[in-house]
Amino acid sequence: EAFAHQVPVVTTPIGAAGLSVRHTEHLLLAESTESLIEATATVLEDPDHSRAMTDAALAYVSLHHSTTVVTEQVLRFLEAAAEAGGVS
């Protein structure tokens, strides 16, 4: 949701698990309390980099998680399930 709303993201590697995103390109990753604070300060102090990250993150969401993309994936799943006899 933060990506879609163009909010800069600072999270842990666990928070970004399952996403094909890159540190400093789409978000900032940090593991300790101190590194989370430093990353948050970076977001606040460097608006140009923050904007670049939110632009890249929005592009990522549009490419991989938009309604159109998800709808196509769900339809393919339902078609495959119907062919396998699992959905009528």
N, C-alpha and C. Protein backbone atom coordinates (compact mmCIF):
# COMPACT_ATOMS: atom_id res chain seq x y z
N GLU A 1 0.82 -1.20 0.00
CA GLU A 1 0.00 0.00 0.00
C GLU A 1 0.85 1.25 0.00
N ALA A 2 1.92 1.24 0.76
CA ALA A 2 2.80 2.41 0.80
C ALA A 2 3.37 2.68 -0.59
N PHE A 3 3.78 1.63 -1.28
CA PHE A 3 4.30 1.80 -2.65
C PHE A 3 3.24 2.45 -3.53
N ALA A 4 2.02 1.94 -3.48
CA ALA A 4 0.94 2.45 -4.33
C ALA A 4 0.59 3.89 -4.01
N HIS A 5 0.78 4.29 -2.76
CA HIS A 5 0.48 5.66 -2.33
C HIS A 5 1.71 6.56 -2.34
N GLN A 6 2.80 6.05 -2.88
CA GLN A 6 4.06 6.78 -3.01
C GLN A 6 4.57 7.33 -1.68
N VAL A 7 4.54 6.47 -0.68
CA VAL A 7 5.10 6.78 0.63
C VAL A 7 6.44 6.06 0.73
N PRO A 8 7.51 6.76 1.06
CA PRO A 8 8.81 6.09 1.19
C PRO A 8 8.75 4.99 2.26
N VAL A 9 9.40 3.88 1.97
CA VAL A 9 9.35 2.73 2.87
C VAL A 9 10.72 2.46 3.48
N VAL A 10 10.72 2.33 4.79
CA VAL A 10 11.87 1.85 5.55
C VAL A 10 11.36 0.62 6.30
N THR A 11 12.01 -0.51 6.08
CA THR A 11 11.54 -1.74 6.71
C THR A 11 12.70 -2.70 6.94
N THR A 12 12.39 -3.80 7.55
CA THR A 12 13.38 -4.85 7.77
C THR A 12 13.35 -5.81 6.58
N PRO A 13 14.36 -6.65 6.44
CA PRO A 13 14.31 -7.66 5.38
C PRO A 13 13.06 -8.56 5.49
N ILE A 14 12.64 -8.85 6.70
CA ILE A 14 11.42 -9.65 6.88
C ILE A 14 10.21 -8.89 6.36
N GLY A 15 10.18 -7.58 6.57
CA GLY A 15 9.06 -6.76 6.09
C GLY A 15 8.96 -6.72 4.57
N ALA A 16 10.08 -6.94 3.90
CA ALA A 16 10.11 -6.92 2.44
C ALA A 16 10.14 -8.32 1.84
N ALA A 17 10.07 -9.33 2.69
CA ALA A 17 10.13 -10.72 2.22
C ALA A 17 9.02 -10.98 1.21
N GLY A 18 9.39 -11.66 0.14
CA GLY A 18 8.43 -12.02 -0.89
C GLY A 18 8.29 -10.98 -1.99
N LEU A 19 8.91 -9.85 -1.82
CA LEU A 19 8.86 -8.81 -2.85
C LEU A 19 10.20 -8.79 -3.60
N SER A 20 10.13 -8.65 -4.88
CA SER A 20 11.36 -8.57 -5.69
C SER A 20 11.79 -7.11 -5.81
N VAL A 21 12.15 -6.54 -4.68
CA VAL A 21 12.55 -5.13 -4.63
C VAL A 21 14.00 -5.04 -4.18
N ARG A 22 14.61 -3.90 -4.46
CA ARG A 22 16.02 -3.70 -4.13
C ARG A 22 16.20 -2.53 -3.15
N HIS A 23 17.08 -2.79 -2.19
CA HIS A 23 17.45 -1.77 -1.21
C HIS A 23 18.01 -0.55 -1.94
N THR A 24 17.59 0.59 -1.56
CA THR A 24 17.92 1.93 -2.07
C THR A 24 17.26 2.25 -3.40
N GLU A 25 16.76 1.25 -4.12
CA GLU A 25 16.03 1.54 -5.36
C GLU A 25 14.54 1.71 -5.09
N HIS A 26 13.95 0.78 -4.34
CA HIS A 26 12.51 0.82 -4.06
C HIS A 26 12.21 1.22 -2.61
N LEU A 27 13.14 0.90 -1.71
CA LEU A 27 12.94 1.11 -0.28
C LEU A 27 14.29 1.08 0.41
N LEU A 28 14.26 1.33 1.70
CA LEU A 28 15.47 1.19 2.50
C LEU A 28 15.27 0.05 3.49
N LEU A 29 16.25 -0.84 3.54
CA LEU A 29 16.20 -1.98 4.45
C LEU A 29 17.16 -1.74 5.61
N ALA A 30 16.73 -2.12 6.78
CA ALA A 30 17.56 -1.98 7.97
C ALA A 30 17.16 -3.08 8.96
N GLU A 31 18.12 -3.49 9.79
CA GLU A 31 17.82 -4.59 10.71
C GLU A 31 17.79 -4.17 12.17
N SER A 32 18.65 -3.26 12.56
CA SER A 32 18.69 -2.86 13.97
C SER A 32 17.88 -1.58 14.18
N THR A 33 17.60 -1.30 15.43
CA THR A 33 16.88 -0.07 15.76
C THR A 33 17.66 1.14 15.25
N GLU A 34 18.96 1.13 15.48
CA GLU A 34 19.79 2.27 15.06
C GLU A 34 19.79 2.43 13.54
N SER A 35 19.88 1.32 12.81
CA SER A 35 19.89 1.44 11.35
C SER A 35 18.52 1.83 10.81
N LEU A 36 17.46 1.43 11.50
CA LEU A 36 16.12 1.89 11.10
C LEU A 36 15.98 3.40 11.29
N ILE A 37 16.52 3.90 12.39
CA ILE A 37 16.50 5.35 12.65
C ILE A 37 17.31 6.08 11.59
N GLU A 38 18.49 5.58 11.28
CA GLU A 38 19.33 6.20 10.26
C GLU A 38 18.65 6.20 8.89
N ALA A 39 18.01 5.09 8.54
CA ALA A 39 17.33 5.01 7.24
C ALA A 39 16.16 5.99 7.19
N THR A 40 15.43 6.10 8.29
CA THR A 40 14.32 7.05 8.35
C THR A 40 14.84 8.48 8.21
N ALA A 41 15.94 8.77 8.85
CA ALA A 41 16.55 10.11 8.72
C ALA A 41 16.97 10.36 7.28
N THR A 42 17.49 9.35 6.62
CA THR A 42 17.87 9.49 5.21
C THR A 42 16.67 9.87 4.36
N VAL A 43 15.55 9.20 4.58
CA VAL A 43 14.32 9.50 3.84
C VAL A 43 13.93 10.96 4.06
N LEU A 44 14.00 11.41 5.29
CA LEU A 44 13.59 12.78 5.61
C LEU A 44 14.57 13.83 5.10
N GLU A 45 15.84 13.48 5.07
CA GLU A 45 16.88 14.46 4.71
C GLU A 45 17.19 14.50 3.22
N ASP A 46 16.76 13.50 2.47
CA ASP A 46 17.10 13.42 1.05
C ASP A 46 15.82 13.24 0.22
N PRO A 47 15.05 14.32 0.04
CA PRO A 47 13.78 14.20 -0.67
C PRO A 47 13.94 13.75 -2.13
N ASP A 48 15.06 14.07 -2.77
CA ASP A 48 15.25 13.63 -4.15
C ASP A 48 15.38 12.11 -4.23
N HIS A 49 16.15 11.54 -3.33
CA HIS A 49 16.27 10.08 -3.31
C HIS A 49 14.96 9.43 -2.90
N SER A 50 14.27 10.03 -1.95
CA SER A 50 12.97 9.49 -1.52
C SER A 50 11.98 9.48 -2.68
N ARG A 51 11.98 10.55 -3.47
CA ARG A 51 11.08 10.62 -4.63
C ARG A 51 11.47 9.56 -5.66
N ALA A 52 12.76 9.37 -5.88
CA ALA A 52 13.21 8.35 -6.83
C ALA A 52 12.77 6.96 -6.37
N MET A 53 12.87 6.70 -5.05
CA MET A 53 12.43 5.40 -4.53
C MET A 53 10.93 5.22 -4.67
N THR A 54 10.15 6.26 -4.36
CA THR A 54 8.70 6.11 -4.45
C THR A 54 8.26 5.97 -5.90
N ASP A 55 8.94 6.63 -6.82
CA ASP A 55 8.63 6.46 -8.24
C ASP A 55 8.92 5.03 -8.68
N ALA A 56 10.06 4.49 -8.28
CA ALA A 56 10.42 3.11 -8.63
C ALA A 56 9.46 2.11 -7.98
N ALA A 57 9.07 2.39 -6.74
CA ALA A 57 8.16 1.50 -6.03
C ALA A 57 6.78 1.51 -6.68
N LEU A 58 6.30 2.67 -7.11
CA LEU A 58 5.01 2.75 -7.80
C LEU A 58 5.08 1.98 -9.12
N ALA A 59 6.16 2.10 -9.84
CA ALA A 59 6.33 1.36 -11.09
C ALA A 59 6.32 -0.15 -10.82
N TYR A 60 6.96 -0.57 -9.73
CA TYR A 60 6.98 -1.98 -9.35
C TYR A 60 5.56 -2.48 -9.08
N VAL A 61 4.81 -1.73 -8.29
CA VAL A 61 3.43 -2.12 -7.97
C VAL A 61 2.59 -2.17 -9.24
N SER A 62 2.73 -1.20 -10.10
CA SER A 62 1.95 -1.17 -11.34
C SER A 62 2.25 -2.37 -12.22
N LEU A 63 3.51 -2.77 -12.24
CA LEU A 63 3.94 -3.88 -13.09
C LEU A 63 3.57 -5.24 -12.51
N HIS A 64 3.62 -5.38 -11.19
CA HIS A 64 3.47 -6.70 -10.57
C HIS A 64 2.20 -6.90 -9.75
N HIS A 65 1.56 -5.83 -9.31
CA HIS A 65 0.45 -5.99 -8.37
C HIS A 65 -0.78 -5.15 -8.70
N SER A 66 -0.86 -4.64 -9.92
CA SER A 66 -2.03 -3.83 -10.29
C SER A 66 -3.27 -4.73 -10.38
N THR A 67 -4.42 -4.12 -10.37
CA THR A 67 -5.67 -4.85 -10.50
C THR A 67 -5.68 -5.69 -11.77
N THR A 68 -5.21 -5.14 -12.86
CA THR A 68 -5.17 -5.86 -14.13
C THR A 68 -4.30 -7.11 -14.03
N VAL A 69 -3.12 -6.96 -13.47
CA VAL A 69 -2.20 -8.09 -13.34
C VAL A 69 -2.79 -9.16 -12.43
N VAL A 70 -3.30 -8.76 -11.29
CA VAL A 70 -3.85 -9.72 -10.33
C VAL A 70 -5.08 -10.40 -10.91
N THR A 71 -5.93 -9.66 -11.60
CA THR A 71 -7.12 -10.24 -12.21
C THR A 71 -6.73 -11.32 -13.21
N GLU A 72 -5.74 -11.05 -14.04
CA GLU A 72 -5.27 -12.04 -15.02
C GLU A 72 -4.74 -13.28 -14.32
N GLN A 73 -4.01 -13.11 -13.23
CA GLN A 73 -3.48 -14.26 -12.50
C GLN A 73 -4.60 -15.09 -11.88
N VAL A 74 -5.59 -14.43 -11.33
CA VAL A 74 -6.72 -15.15 -10.72
C VAL A 74 -7.49 -15.90 -11.80
N LEU A 75 -7.73 -15.26 -12.94
CA LEU A 75 -8.45 -15.93 -14.03
C LEU A 75 -7.69 -17.15 -14.53
N ARG A 76 -6.36 -17.02 -14.68
CA ARG A 76 -5.55 -18.18 -15.10
C ARG A 76 -5.64 -19.31 -14.08
N PHE A 77 -5.61 -18.96 -12.80
CA PHE A 77 -5.73 -19.97 -11.75
C PHE A 77 -7.08 -20.67 -11.83
N LEU A 78 -8.14 -19.89 -11.97
CA LEU A 78 -9.48 -20.48 -12.04
C LEU A 78 -9.65 -21.37 -13.27
N GLU A 79 -9.10 -20.94 -14.40
CA GLU A 79 -9.15 -21.75 -15.62
C GLU A 79 -8.41 -23.07 -15.41
N ALA A 80 -7.24 -23.00 -14.82
CA ALA A 80 -6.44 -24.22 -14.57
C ALA A 80 -7.17 -25.13 -13.59
N ALA A 81 -7.77 -24.56 -12.57
CA ALA A 81 -8.51 -25.35 -11.60
C ALA A 81 -9.73 -26.01 -12.24
N ALA A 82 -10.42 -25.28 -13.12
CA ALA A 82 -11.58 -25.84 -13.80
C ALA A 82 -11.17 -26.98 -14.70
N GLU A 83 -10.05 -26.81 -15.41
CA GLU A 83 -9.56 -27.87 -16.28
C GLU A 83 -9.18 -29.12 -15.49
N ALA A 84 -8.70 -28.91 -14.28
CA ALA A 84 -8.31 -30.02 -13.43
C ALA A 84 -9.50 -30.64 -12.70
N GLY A 85 -10.68 -30.03 -12.90
CA GLY A 85 -11.89 -30.55 -12.26
C GLY A 85 -12.12 -30.04 -10.86
N GLY A 86 -11.38 -29.03 -10.46
CA GLY A 86 -11.49 -28.52 -9.09
C GLY A 86 -12.49 -27.40 -8.92
N VAL A 87 -12.93 -26.78 -10.02
CA VAL A 87 -13.89 -25.68 -9.94
C VAL A 87 -14.93 -25.89 -11.01
N SER A 88 -16.18 -25.68 -10.65
CA SER A 88 -17.24 -25.83 -11.66
C SER A 88 -18.01 -24.55 -11.84
